[in-house]
Amino acid sequence: MTQTNDLVPIQMVNRDGAAVVVKPKLGAKIKLNEAEVLFYNGIDKLMARIILQELMAHDTRPVQS
């Protein structure tokens, strides 16, 4: 079974319709097998935890002791 890799771009917009230019700072970059996750400063802690749990659940590397 193959999984598709989803890349979801987002853009922050004001309520009055004017686009806001936000240049977030990269907080962490994690590579695991073919997956790459970029965490930017200001990410919600719960969201980061869920993403990391899902990433580790699909980890196929052997456990090292």
PDB file of N, CA and C in Angstrom:
ATOM      1  N   MET A   1       0.855  -1.172   0.000  1.00  0.00           N
ATOM      2  CA  MET A   1       0.000   0.000   0.000  1.00  0.00           C
ATOM      3  C   MET A   1       0.901   1.236   0.000  1.00  0.00           C
ATOM      4  N   THR A   2       0.591   2.181  -0.846  1.00  0.00           N
ATOM      5  CA  THR A   2       1.377   3.407  -0.912  1.00  0.00           C
ATOM      6  C   THR A   2       0.554   4.561  -0.355  1.00  0.00           C
ATOM      7  N   GLN A   3       1.257   5.485   0.268  1.00  0.00           N
ATOM      8  CA  GLN A   3       0.615   6.672   0.800  1.00  0.00           C
ATOM      9  C   GLN A   3       0.980   7.859  -0.069  1.00  0.00           C
ATOM     10  N   THR A   4       0.029   8.748  -0.259  1.00  0.00           N
ATOM     11  CA  THR A   4       0.336   9.962  -1.003  1.00  0.00           C
ATOM     12  C   THR A   4       0.894  10.992  -0.032  1.00  0.00           C
ATOM     13  N   ASN A   5       1.835  11.764  -0.511  1.00  0.00           N
ATOM     14  CA  ASN A   5       2.418  12.832   0.300  1.00  0.00           C
ATOM     15  C   ASN A   5       1.627  14.097   0.054  1.00  0.00           C
ATOM     16  N   ASP A   6       1.096  14.661   1.123  1.00  0.00           N
ATOM     17  CA  ASP A   6       0.304  15.875   1.014  1.00  0.00           C
ATOM     18  C   ASP A   6       1.132  17.078   1.403  1.00  0.00           C
ATOM     19  N   LEU A   7       1.103  18.103   0.579  1.00  0.00           N
ATOM     20  CA  LEU A   7       1.734  19.373   0.882  1.00  0.00           C
ATOM     21  C   LEU A   7       0.615  20.403   0.860  1.00  0.00           C
ATOM     22  N   VAL A   8       0.359  21.008   2.002  1.00  0.00           N
ATOM     23  CA  VAL A   8      -0.774  21.916   2.118  1.00  0.00           C
ATOM     24  C   VAL A   8      -0.264  23.326   2.378  1.00  0.00           C
ATOM     25  N   PRO A   9      -0.239  24.168   1.347  1.00  0.00           N
ATOM     26  CA  PRO A   9       0.184  25.554   1.556  1.00  0.00           C
ATOM     27  C   PRO A   9      -0.950  26.366   2.195  1.00  0.00           C
ATOM     28  N   ILE A  10      -0.591  27.287   3.080  1.00  0.00           N
ATOM     29  CA  ILE A  10      -1.600  28.147   3.693  1.00  0.00           C
ATOM     30  C   ILE A  10      -1.168  29.594   3.530  1.00  0.00           C
ATOM     31  N   GLN A  11      -2.137  30.486   3.566  1.00  0.00           N
ATOM     32  CA  GLN A  11      -1.857  31.912   3.486  1.00  0.00           C
ATOM     33  C   GLN A  11      -2.758  32.618   4.485  1.00  0.00           C
ATOM     34  N   MET A  12      -2.166  33.499   5.301  1.00  0.00           N
ATOM     35  CA  MET A  12      -2.944  34.245   6.275  1.00  0.00           C
ATOM     36  C   MET A  12      -3.511  35.491   5.598  1.00  0.00           C
ATOM     37  N   VAL A  13      -4.801  35.748   5.820  1.00  0.00           N
ATOM     38  CA  VAL A  13      -5.471  36.876   5.174  1.00  0.00           C
ATOM     39  C   VAL A  13      -6.246  37.657   6.232  1.00  0.00           C
ATOM     40  N   ASN A  14      -6.206  38.995   6.139  1.00  0.00           N
ATOM     41  CA  ASN A  14      -7.000  39.842   7.029  1.00  0.00           C
ATOM     42  C   ASN A  14      -8.476  39.670   6.724  1.00  0.00           C
ATOM     43  N   ARG A  15      -9.307  40.036   7.693  1.00  0.00           N
ATOM     44  CA  ARG A  15     -10.762  39.971   7.493  1.00  0.00           C
ATOM     45  C   ARG A  15     -11.219  40.926   6.391  1.00  0.00           C
ATOM     46  N   ASP A  16     -10.526  42.055   6.207  1.00  0.00           N
ATOM     47  CA  ASP A  16     -10.940  43.005   5.177  1.00  0.00           C
ATOM     48  C   ASP A  16     -10.431  42.611   3.798  1.00  0.00           C
ATOM     49  N   GLY A  17      -9.785  41.447   3.668  1.00  0.00           N
ATOM     50  CA  GLY A  17      -9.402  40.948   2.362  1.00  0.00           C
ATOM     51  C   GLY A  17      -7.983  41.254   1.935  1.00  0.00           C
ATOM     52  N   ALA A  18      -7.282  42.133   2.657  1.00  0.00           N
ATOM     53  CA  ALA A  18      -5.906  42.453   2.285  1.00  0.00           C
ATOM     54  C   ALA A  18      -4.978  41.337   2.760  1.00  0.00           C
ATOM     55  N   ALA A  19      -4.116  40.864   1.878  1.00  0.00           N
ATOM     56  CA  ALA A  19      -3.187  39.781   2.221  1.00  0.00           C
ATOM     57  C   ALA A  19      -2.109  40.291   3.177  1.00  0.00           C
ATOM     58  N   VAL A  20      -1.788  39.475   4.160  1.00  0.00           N
ATOM     59  CA  VAL A  20      -0.746  39.807   5.130  1.00  0.00           C
ATOM     60  C   VAL A  20       0.509  39.024   4.762  1.00  0.00           C
ATOM     61  N   VAL A  21       1.617  39.713   4.672  1.00  0.00           N
ATOM     62  CA  VAL A  21       2.875  39.046   4.362  1.00  0.00           C
ATOM     63  C   VAL A  21       3.528  38.650   5.682  1.00  0.00           C
ATOM     64  N   VAL A  22       3.613  37.333   5.905  1.00  0.00           N
ATOM     65  CA  VAL A  22       4.193  36.815   7.135  1.00  0.00           C
ATOM     66  C   VAL A  22       5.345  35.899   6.746  1.00  0.00           C
ATOM     67  N   LYS A  23       6.523  36.189   7.269  1.00  0.00           N
ATOM     68  CA  LYS A  23       7.676  35.349   6.991  1.00  0.00           C
ATOM     69  C   LYS A  23       8.035  34.614   8.283  1.00  0.00           C
ATOM     70  N   PRO A  24       7.496  33.392   8.451  1.00  0.00           N
ATOM     71  CA  PRO A  24       7.760  32.661   9.686  1.00  0.00           C
ATOM     72  C   PRO A  24       9.190  32.144   9.754  1.00  0.00           C
ATOM     73  N   LYS A  25       9.707  32.010  10.984  1.00  0.00           N
ATOM     74  CA  LYS A  25      11.045  31.469  11.195  1.00  0.00           C
ATOM     75  C   LYS A  25      10.939  29.966  11.399  1.00  0.00           C
ATOM     76  N   LEU A  26      11.828  29.255  10.745  1.00  0.00           N
ATOM     77  CA  LEU A  26      11.866  27.805  10.877  1.00  0.00           C
ATOM     78  C   LEU A  26      12.378  27.451  12.264  1.00  0.00           C
ATOM     79  N   GLY A  27      11.605  26.634  12.984  1.00  0.00           N
ATOM     80  CA  GLY A  27      11.989  26.230  14.326  1.00  0.00           C
ATOM     81  C   GLY A  27      12.693  24.883  14.341  1.00  0.00           C
ATOM     82  N   ALA A  28      12.218  23.946  13.506  1.00  0.00           N
ATOM     83  CA  ALA A  28      12.820  22.608  13.474  1.00  0.00           C
ATOM     84  C   ALA A  28      12.518  21.951  12.139  1.00  0.00           C
ATOM     85  N   LYS A  29      13.451  21.121  11.698  1.00  0.00           N
ATOM     86  CA  LYS A  29      13.291  20.366  10.460  1.00  0.00           C
ATOM     87  C   LYS A  29      13.594  18.906  10.799  1.00  0.00           C
ATOM     88  N   ILE A  30      12.650  18.018  10.541  1.00  0.00           N
ATOM     89  CA  ILE A  30      12.804  16.609  10.890  1.00  0.00           C
ATOM     90  C   ILE A  30      12.671  15.775   9.631  1.00  0.00           C
ATOM     91  N   LYS A  31      13.653  14.905   9.400  1.00  0.00           N
ATOM     92  CA  LYS A  31      13.613  13.979   8.278  1.00  0.00           C
ATOM     93  C   LYS A  31      13.587  12.569   8.834  1.00  0.00           C
ATOM     94  N   LEU A  32      12.667  11.757   8.343  1.00  0.00           N
ATOM     95  CA  LEU A  32      12.553  10.369   8.761  1.00  0.00           C
ATOM     96  C   LEU A  32      12.181   9.559   7.533  1.00  0.00           C
ATOM     97  N   ASN A  33      13.114   8.734   7.081  1.00  0.00           N
ATOM     98  CA  ASN A  33      12.945   7.988   5.834  1.00  0.00           C
ATOM     99  C   ASN A  33      12.659   8.978   4.706  1.00  0.00           C
ATOM    100  N   GLU A  34      11.509   8.873   4.074  1.00  0.00           N
ATOM    101  CA  GLU A  34      11.172   9.777   2.969  1.00  0.00           C
ATOM    102  C   GLU A  34      10.345  10.979   3.424  1.00  0.00           C
ATOM    103  N   ALA A  35       9.953  11.004   4.682  1.00  0.00           N
ATOM    104  CA  ALA A  35       9.120  12.095   5.197  1.00  0.00           C
ATOM    105  C   ALA A  35       9.997  13.242   5.694  1.00  0.00           C
ATOM    106  N   GLU A  36       9.526  14.437   5.478  1.00  0.00           N
ATOM    107  CA  GLU A  36      10.199  15.633   5.982  1.00  0.00           C
ATOM    108  C   GLU A  36       9.133  16.551   6.565  1.00  0.00           C
ATOM    109  N   VAL A  37       9.350  16.962   7.804  1.00  0.00           N
ATOM    110  CA  VAL A  37       8.392  17.837   8.492  1.00  0.00           C
ATOM    111  C   VAL A  37       9.116  19.110   8.897  1.00  0.00           C
ATOM    112  N   LEU A  38       8.524  20.242   8.598  1.00  0.00           N
ATOM    113  CA  LEU A  38       9.076  21.539   8.981  1.00  0.00           C
ATOM    114  C   LEU A  38       8.160  22.157  10.033  1.00  0.00           C
ATOM    115  N   PHE A  39       8.725  22.492  11.189  1.00  0.00           N
ATOM    116  CA  PHE A  39       7.974  23.166  12.239  1.00  0.00           C
ATOM    117  C   PHE A  39       8.449  24.606  12.293  1.00  0.00           C
ATOM    118  N   TYR A  40       7.506  25.519  12.252  1.00  0.00           N
ATOM    119  CA  TYR A  40       7.837  26.934  12.324  1.00  0.00           C
ATOM    120  C   TYR A  40       7.533  27.463  13.716  1.00  0.00           C
ATOM    121  N   ASN A  41       8.284  28.475  14.140  1.00  0.00           N
ATOM    122  CA  ASN A  41       8.060  29.075  15.450  1.00  0.00           C
ATOM    123  C   ASN A  41       6.607  29.518  15.573  1.00  0.00           C
ATOM    124  N   GLY A  42       6.028  29.249  16.735  1.00  0.00           N
ATOM    125  CA  GLY A  42       4.653  29.629  16.981  1.00  0.00           C
ATOM    126  C   GLY A  42       3.661  28.510  16.761  1.00  0.00           C
ATOM    127  N   ILE A  43       4.128  27.315  16.366  1.00  0.00           N
ATOM    128  CA  ILE A  43       3.208  26.203  16.163  1.00  0.00           C
ATOM    129  C   ILE A  43       2.574  25.828  17.503  1.00  0.00           C
ATOM    130  N   ASP A  44       1.321  25.465  17.455  1.00  0.00           N
ATOM    131  CA  ASP A  44       0.614  25.024  18.644  1.00  0.00           C
ATOM    132  C   ASP A  44       1.257  23.736  19.160  1.00  0.00           C
ATOM    133  N   LYS A  45       1.533  23.659  20.452  1.00  0.00           N
ATOM    134  CA  LYS A  45       2.213  22.501  21.035  1.00  0.00           C
ATOM    135  C   LYS A  45       1.432  21.205  20.809  1.00  0.00           C
ATOM    136  N   LEU A  46       0.129  21.270  20.927  1.00  0.00           N
ATOM    137  CA  LEU A  46      -0.691  20.077  20.726  1.00  0.00           C
ATOM    138  C   LEU A  46      -0.591  19.591  19.279  1.00  0.00           C
ATOM    139  N   MET A  47      -0.615  20.520  18.334  1.00  0.00           N
ATOM    140  CA  MET A  47      -0.502  20.156  16.921  1.00  0.00           C
ATOM    141  C   MET A  47       0.854  19.519  16.632  1.00  0.00           C
ATOM    142  N   ALA A  48       1.921  20.087  17.192  1.00  0.00           N
ATOM    143  CA  ALA A  48       3.260  19.522  17.001  1.00  0.00           C
ATOM    144  C   ALA A  48       3.331  18.114  17.576  1.00  0.00           C
ATOM    145  N   ARG A  49       2.743  17.906  18.733  1.00  0.00           N
ATOM    146  CA  ARG A  49       2.753  16.589  19.381  1.00  0.00           C
ATOM    147  C   ARG A  49       2.016  15.558  18.534  1.00  0.00           C
ATOM    148  N   ILE A  50       0.860  15.930  17.993  1.00  0.00           N
ATOM    149  CA  ILE A  50       0.085  15.014  17.155  1.00  0.00           C
ATOM    150  C   ILE A  50       0.865  14.647  15.900  1.00  0.00           C
ATOM    151  N   ILE A  51       1.492  15.631  15.276  1.00  0.00           N
ATOM    152  CA  ILE A  51       2.278  15.373  14.060  1.00  0.00           C
ATOM    153  C   ILE A  51       3.435  14.426  14.370  1.00  0.00           C
ATOM    154  N   LEU A  52       4.147  14.665  15.480  1.00  0.00           N
ATOM    155  CA  LEU A  52       5.261  13.797  15.849  1.00  0.00           C
ATOM    156  C   LEU A  52       4.800  12.385  16.195  1.00  0.00           C
ATOM    157  N   GLN A  53       3.665  12.250  16.870  1.00  0.00           N
ATOM    158  CA  GLN A  53       3.133  10.927  17.196  1.00  0.00           C
ATOM    159  C   GLN A  53       2.796  10.156  15.926  1.00  0.00           C
ATOM    160  N   GLU A  54       2.178  10.820  14.966  1.00  0.00           N
ATOM    161  CA  GLU A  54       1.838  10.161  13.706  1.00  0.00           C
ATOM    162  C   GLU A  54       3.089   9.788  12.925  1.00  0.00           C
ATOM    163  N   LEU A  55       4.079  10.645  12.949  1.00  0.00           N
ATOM    164  CA  LEU A  55       5.328  10.371  12.250  1.00  0.00           C
ATOM    165  C   LEU A  55       6.019   9.153  12.859  1.00  0.00           C
ATOM    166  N   MET A  56       6.066   9.068  14.179  1.00  0.00           N
ATOM    167  CA  MET A  56       6.718   7.948  14.852  1.00  0.00           C
ATOM    168  C   MET A  56       5.912   6.655  14.718  1.00  0.00           C
ATOM    169  N   ALA A  57       4.597   6.754  14.594  1.00  0.00           N
ATOM    170  CA  ALA A  57       3.761   5.564  14.439  1.00  0.00           C
ATOM    171  C   ALA A  57       4.059   4.856  13.122  1.00  0.00           C
ATOM    172  N   HIS A  58       4.528   5.601  12.122  1.00  0.00           N
ATOM    173  CA  HIS A  58       4.824   5.033  10.804  1.00  0.00           C
ATOM    174  C   HIS A  58       6.314   4.826  10.578  1.00  0.00           C
ATOM    175  N   ASP A  59       7.109   4.949  11.648  1.00  0.00           N
ATOM    176  CA  ASP A  59       8.563   4.763  11.567  1.00  0.00           C
ATOM    177  C   ASP A  59       8.869   3.278  11.384  1.00  0.00           C
ATOM    178  N   THR A  60       9.666   2.952  10.381  1.00  0.00           N
ATOM    179  CA  THR A  60       9.988   1.551  10.102  1.00  0.00           C
ATOM    180  C   THR A  60      11.414   1.205  10.485  1.00  0.00           C
ATOM    181  N   ARG A  61      12.144   2.138  11.091  1.00  0.00           N
ATOM    182  CA  ARG A  61      13.526   1.861  11.478  1.00  0.00           C
ATOM    183  C   ARG A  61      13.546   0.913  12.674  1.00  0.00           C
ATOM    184  N   PRO A  62      14.564   0.039  12.751  1.00  0.00           N
ATOM    185  CA  PRO A  62      14.666  -0.850  13.918  1.00  0.00           C
ATOM    186  C   PRO A  62      15.071  -0.058  15.162  1.00  0.00           C
ATOM    187  N   VAL A  63      14.610  -0.515  16.305  1.00  0.00           N
ATOM    188  CA  VAL A  63      14.929   0.132  17.578  1.00  0.00           C
ATOM    189  C   VAL A  63      16.354  -0.219  17.961  1.00  0.00           C
ATOM    190  N   GLN A  64      17.145   0.805  18.309  1.00  0.00           N
ATOM    191  CA  GLN A  64      18.535   0.585  18.709  1.00  0.00           C
ATOM    192  C   GLN A  64      18.613   0.615  20.231  1.00  0.00           C
ATOM    193  N   SER A  65      19.398  -0.295  20.798  1.00  0.00           N
ATOM    194  CA  SER A  65      19.529  -0.309  22.259  1.00  0.00           C
ATOM    195  C   SER A  65      20.912   0.085  22.701  1.00  0.00           C
TER     196      SER A  65
END
